[in-house]
C-alpha atoms as a PDB file:
ATOM      1  CA  MET A   1     154.291  70.574  77.323  1.00  0.00           C
ATOM      2  CA  VAL A   2     158.250  70.054  78.312  1.00  0.00           C
ATOM      3  CA  GLN A   3     159.290  67.166  75.850  1.00  0.00           C
ATOM      4  CA  HIS A   4     162.892  66.456  76.893  1.00  0.00           C
ATOM      5  CA  THR A   5     165.450  63.778  74.876  1.00  0.00           C
ATOM      6  CA  MET A   6     169.010  62.432  76.828  1.00  0.00           C
ATOM      7  CA  ALA A   7     171.080  64.994  75.096  1.00  0.00           C
ATOM      8  CA  SER A   8     168.888  67.759  77.208  1.00  0.00           C
ATOM      9  CA  LEU A   9     169.060  65.544  80.086  1.00  0.00           C
ATOM     10  CA  ALA A  10     172.259  65.245  79.942  1.00  0.00           C
ATOM     11  CA  GLU A  11     172.639  69.081  79.396  1.00  0.00           C
ATOM     12  CA  LYS A  12     170.789  69.719  82.426  1.00  0.00           C
ATOM     13  CA  MET A  13     171.502  66.595  84.915  1.00  0.00           C
ATOM     14  CA  GLN A  14     175.552  68.966  83.780  1.00  0.00           C
ATOM     15  CA  HIS A  15     174.018  71.480  85.997  1.00  0.00           C
ATOM     16  CA  ILE A  16     172.850  69.258  89.289  1.00  0.00           C
ATOM     17  CA  ASP A  17     175.962  68.659  90.577  1.00  0.00           C
ATOM     18  CA  PHE A  18     175.243  66.146  93.091  1.00  0.00           C
ATOM     19  CA  ALA A  19     172.636  62.579  92.693  1.00  0.00           C
ATOM     20  CA  MET A  20     171.903  60.015  94.903  1.00  0.00           C
ATOM     21  CA  LEU A  21     173.468  57.003  93.234  1.00  0.00           C
ATOM     22  CA  SER A  22     171.817  54.020  94.793  1.00  0.00           C
ATOM     23  CA  THR A  23     173.336  50.238  94.617  1.00  0.00           C
ATOM     24  CA  HIS A  24     172.065  46.842  95.471  1.00  0.00           C
ATOM     25  CA  THR A  25     173.192  45.850  99.131  1.00  0.00           C
ATOM     26  CA  GLU A  26     174.190  42.167  99.946  1.00  0.00           C
ATOM     27  CA  ASP A  27     171.038  41.519 101.892  1.00  0.00           C
ATOM     28  CA  GLY A  28     168.975  42.861  98.997  1.00  0.00           C
ATOM     29  CA  HIS A  29     168.012  46.118  99.944  1.00  0.00           C
ATOM     30  CA  ILE A  30     168.974  49.843  98.566  1.00  0.00           C
ATOM     31  CA  GLY A  31     171.899  51.760  99.521  1.00  0.00           C
ATOM     32  CA  ALA A  32     171.832  55.104  98.359  1.00  0.00           C
ATOM     33  CA  ARG A  33     174.570  57.973  99.041  1.00  0.00           C
ATOM     34  CA  PRO A  34     175.247  61.444  97.269  1.00  0.00           C
ATOM     35  CA  MET A  35     177.585  61.752  94.855  1.00  0.00           C
ATOM     36  CA  SER A  36     179.435  64.729  92.378  1.00  0.00           C
ATOM     37  CA  ASN A  37     179.297  64.045  88.906  1.00  0.00           C
ATOM     38  CA  ASN A  38     181.467  66.874  88.564  1.00  0.00           C
ATOM     39  CA  GLN A  39     179.597  68.182  85.444  1.00  0.00           C
ATOM     40  CA  ASP A  40     181.032  64.709  83.275  1.00  0.00           C
ATOM     41  CA  VAL A  41     177.607  64.104  81.719  1.00  0.00           C
ATOM     42  CA  ALA A  42     177.824  62.815  78.359  1.00  0.00           C
ATOM     43  CA  HIS A  43     175.466  63.391  75.705  1.00  0.00           C
ATOM     44  CA  GLY A  44     173.560  59.916  76.360  1.00  0.00           C
ATOM     45  CA  GLY A  45     172.852  60.165  80.225  1.00  0.00           C
ATOM     46  CA  ASP A  46     176.514  58.571  80.876  1.00  0.00           C
ATOM     47  CA  SER A  47     177.937  60.416  84.148  1.00  0.00           C
ATOM     48  CA  TYR A  48     181.403  59.385  85.913  1.00  0.00           C
ATOM     49  CA  TYR A  49     181.998  59.434  90.116  1.00  0.00           C
ATOM     50  CA  PHE A  50     184.874  58.908  91.718  1.00  0.00           C
ATOM     51  CA  THR A  51     184.926  56.662  94.793  1.00  0.00           C
ATOM     52  CA  THR A  52     187.660  54.572  96.383  1.00  0.00           C
ATOM     53  CA  GLU A  53     188.259  50.905  96.949  1.00  0.00           C
ATOM     54  CA  ASP A  54     187.364  50.367 100.441  1.00  0.00           C
ATOM     55  CA  THR A  55     183.519  51.554 100.409  1.00  0.00           C
ATOM     56  CA  LEU A  56     180.209  49.050 100.249  1.00  0.00           C
ATOM     57  CA  MET A  57     179.811  50.926  97.549  1.00  0.00           C
ATOM     58  CA  VAL A  58     182.248  49.565  95.292  1.00  0.00           C
ATOM     59  CA  ARG A  59     181.429  45.934  96.870  1.00  0.00           C
ATOM     60  CA  ASP A  60     177.695  46.673  95.753  1.00  0.00           C
ATOM     61  CA  ILE A  61     178.846  46.904  92.365  1.00  0.00           C
ATOM     62  CA  GLU A  62     181.175  44.232  91.930  1.00  0.00           C
ATOM     63  CA  ARG A  63     178.115  41.858  92.979  1.00  0.00           C
ATOM     64  CA  ASP A  64     175.523  43.760  90.995  1.00  0.00           C
ATOM     65  CA  PRO A  65     176.414  46.381  88.585  1.00  0.00           C
ATOM     66  CA  ARG A  66     172.512  47.600  88.059  1.00  0.00           C
ATOM     67  CA  VAL A  67     172.332  51.378  89.815  1.00  0.00           C
ATOM     68  CA  SER A  68     170.329  53.906  89.757  1.00  0.00           C
ATOM     69  CA  LEU A  69     170.875  58.076  90.121  1.00  0.00           C
ATOM     70  CA  SER A  70     168.360  60.474  91.170  1.00  0.00           C
ATOM     71  CA  PHE A  71     168.828  64.054  90.531  1.00  0.00           C
ATOM     72  CA  HIS A  72     166.654  67.337  91.628  1.00  0.00           C
ATOM     73  CA  GLY A  73     167.274  70.742  90.391  1.00  0.00           C
ATOM     74  CA  LYS A  74     165.388  73.700  88.604  1.00  0.00           C
ATOM     75  CA  SER A  75     163.645  74.159  85.399  1.00  0.00           C
ATOM     76  CA  GLY A  76     162.103  76.520  83.453  1.00  0.00           C
ATOM     77  CA  LEU A  77     163.325  80.467  81.602  1.00  0.00           C
ATOM     78  CA  PHE A  78     163.811  81.526  85.763  1.00  0.00           C
ATOM     79  CA  GLY A  79     164.127  78.296  86.509  1.00  0.00           C
ATOM     80  CA  GLN A  80     160.922  78.512  88.910  1.00  0.00           C
ATOM     81  CA  ARG A  81     159.582  75.078  88.054  1.00  0.00           C
ATOM     82  CA  PRO A  82     161.169  71.711  90.166  1.00  0.00           C
ATOM     83  CA  LEU A  83     163.090  69.213  88.124  1.00  0.00           C
ATOM     84  CA  PHE A  84     163.230  65.556  88.906  1.00  0.00           C
ATOM     85  CA  ILE A  85     164.879  62.935  86.835  1.00  0.00           C
ATOM     86  CA  ALA A  86     165.408  59.149  87.685  1.00  0.00           C
ATOM     87  CA  LEU A  87     168.000  57.676  85.763  1.00  0.00           C
ATOM     88  CA  GLU A  88     168.737  53.592  85.868  1.00  0.00           C
ATOM     89  CA  GLY A  89     171.807  52.091  84.046  1.00  0.00           C
ATOM     90  CA  ARG A  90     174.754  49.507  84.835  1.00  0.00           C
ATOM     91  CA  ALA A  91     178.108  50.666  86.270  1.00  0.00           C
ATOM     92  CA  ASP A  92     181.705  49.824  85.588  1.00  0.00           C
ATOM     93  CA  LEU A  93     184.471  50.254  87.926  1.00  0.00           C
ATOM     94  CA  ILE A  94     187.105  51.760  86.278  1.00  0.00           C
ATOM     95  CA  ARG A  95     190.867  51.607  88.020  1.00  0.00           C
ATOM     96  CA  ASP A  96     192.803  53.134  85.028  1.00  0.00           C
ATOM     97  CA  ARG A  97     194.606  55.918  85.689  1.00  0.00           C
ATOM     98  CA  ALA A  98     194.550  57.452  82.353  1.00  0.00           C
ATOM     99  CA  LEU A  99     190.725  57.563  82.565  1.00  0.00           C
ATOM    100  CA  PHE A 100     191.055  58.925  85.432  1.00  0.00           C
ATOM    101  CA  GLU A 101     192.619  61.893  84.224  1.00  0.00           C
ATOM    102  CA  GLU A 102     190.144  62.436  81.197  1.00  0.00           C
ATOM    103  CA  HIS A 103     187.352  62.685  83.375  1.00  0.00           C
ATOM    104  CA  TRP A 104     189.553  64.515  86.737  1.00  0.00           C
ATOM    105  CA  ASN A 105     188.296  67.972  87.888  1.00  0.00           C
ATOM    106  CA  PRO A 106     190.294  69.949  90.375  1.00  0.00           C
ATOM    107  CA  ASP A 107     187.375  70.154  92.412  1.00  0.00           C
ATOM    108  CA  LEU A 108     187.803  66.710  93.728  1.00  0.00           C
ATOM    109  CA  GLU A 109     191.266  67.256  95.391  1.00  0.00           C
ATOM    110  CA  LEU A 110     189.029  68.777  98.437  1.00  0.00           C
ATOM    111  CA  TRP A 111     188.066  64.523  98.768  1.00  0.00           C
ATOM    112  CA  PHE A 112     191.181  63.044  96.774  1.00  0.00           C
ATOM    113  CA  GLU A 113     194.216  64.899  98.096  1.00  0.00           C
ATOM    114  CA  ASN A 114     196.612  63.027  95.616  1.00  0.00           C
ATOM    115  CA  GLY A 115     194.292  64.081  92.481  1.00  0.00           C
ATOM    116  CA  ALA A 116     194.225  61.024  90.076  1.00  0.00           C
ATOM    117  CA  ASP A 117     197.483  59.634  92.227  1.00  0.00           C
ATOM    118  CA  THR A 118     195.611  59.031  95.117  1.00  0.00           C
ATOM    119  CA  PRO A 119     195.618  55.444  96.325  1.00  0.00           C
ATOM    120  CA  GLY A 120     192.259  52.869  95.811  1.00  0.00           C
ATOM    121  CA  LEU A 121     190.968  55.486  93.752  1.00  0.00           C
ATOM    122  CA  VAL A 122     188.107  54.209  91.329  1.00  0.00           C
ATOM    123  CA  MET A 123     186.271  55.764  89.196  1.00  0.00           C
ATOM    124  CA  ILE A 124     182.303  54.767  88.333  1.00  0.00           C
ATOM    125  CA  HIS A 125     181.166  55.139  84.472  1.00  0.00           C
ATOM    126  CA  VAL A 126     177.315  54.817  84.852  1.00  0.00           C
ATOM    127  CA  HIS A 127     175.763  53.825  81.368  1.00  0.00           C
ATOM    128  CA  ALA A 128     172.392  55.501  80.934  1.00  0.00           C
ATOM    129  CA  GLU A 129     169.592  52.718  80.058  1.00  0.00           C
ATOM    130  CA  ARG A 130     166.510  54.799  81.137  1.00  0.00           C
ATOM    131  CA  ALA A 131     165.360  57.413  82.177  1.00  0.00           C
ATOM    132  CA  HIS A 132     162.063  59.123  84.135  1.00  0.00           C
ATOM    133  CA  TYR A 133     161.854  62.495  83.897  1.00  0.00           C
ATOM    134  CA  TRP A 134     159.513  64.969  85.928  1.00  0.00           C
ATOM    135  CA  ASP A 135     160.118  69.143  84.880  1.00  0.00           C
ATOM    136  CA  GLY A 136     156.622  70.741  86.121  1.00  0.00           C
ATOM    137  CA  GLN A 137     153.997  69.307  85.645  1.00  0.00           C
ATOM    138  CA  ASP A 138     155.595  67.686  82.547  1.00  0.00           C
ATOM    139  CA  GLU A 139     156.717  63.903  82.587  1.00  0.00           C
ATOM    140  CA  GLY A 140     158.087  61.746  80.489  1.00  0.00           C
ATOM    141  CA  GLU A 141     160.216  58.475  80.349  1.00  0.00           C
ATOM    142  CA  LEU A 142     162.942  57.624  77.621  1.00  0.00           C
ATOM    143  CA  GLU A 143     164.743  54.479  77.186  1.00  0.00           C
ATOM    144  CA  ILE A 144     168.373  54.783  75.346  1.00  0.00           C
ATOM    145  CA  ASP A 145     169.828  52.847  73.154  1.00  0.00           C
ATOM    146  CA  VAL A 146     172.714  50.599  74.746  1.00  0.00           C
ATOM    147  CA  MET A 147     174.921  49.631  72.516  1.00  0.00           C
ATOM    148  CA  HIS A 148     177.699  48.344  75.295  1.00  0.00           C
END
């Protein structure tokens, strides 16, 4: 039986490049879009994503910072078991270039040609609060001690 901690899930999240980031839309629906975490996942499950100011996602987060992330990858000794991670948290919108630099990855230049100097660049910092995982036939739920 696999028993994960938030640290072990964060390690696995680092190796799953894309997640579906879901927000609450103005009319009460759920909006989801694929986002790259750029292998930037903290020990406690916090993760970082880049976008631009002009997106519906940014407007959704400004209105309601509650978000969810869904990850799908492989697990086990030979990567033969499916791994699903559903994470709930709160998103902060960061507009500080110095913080962009801390979390920047050169691969991001595929989407943002001007790097951290891209006009209207925004970093989304998702603070993990709760996670549910399915690792093969094993599953579990974790509440994260939120101190922010």
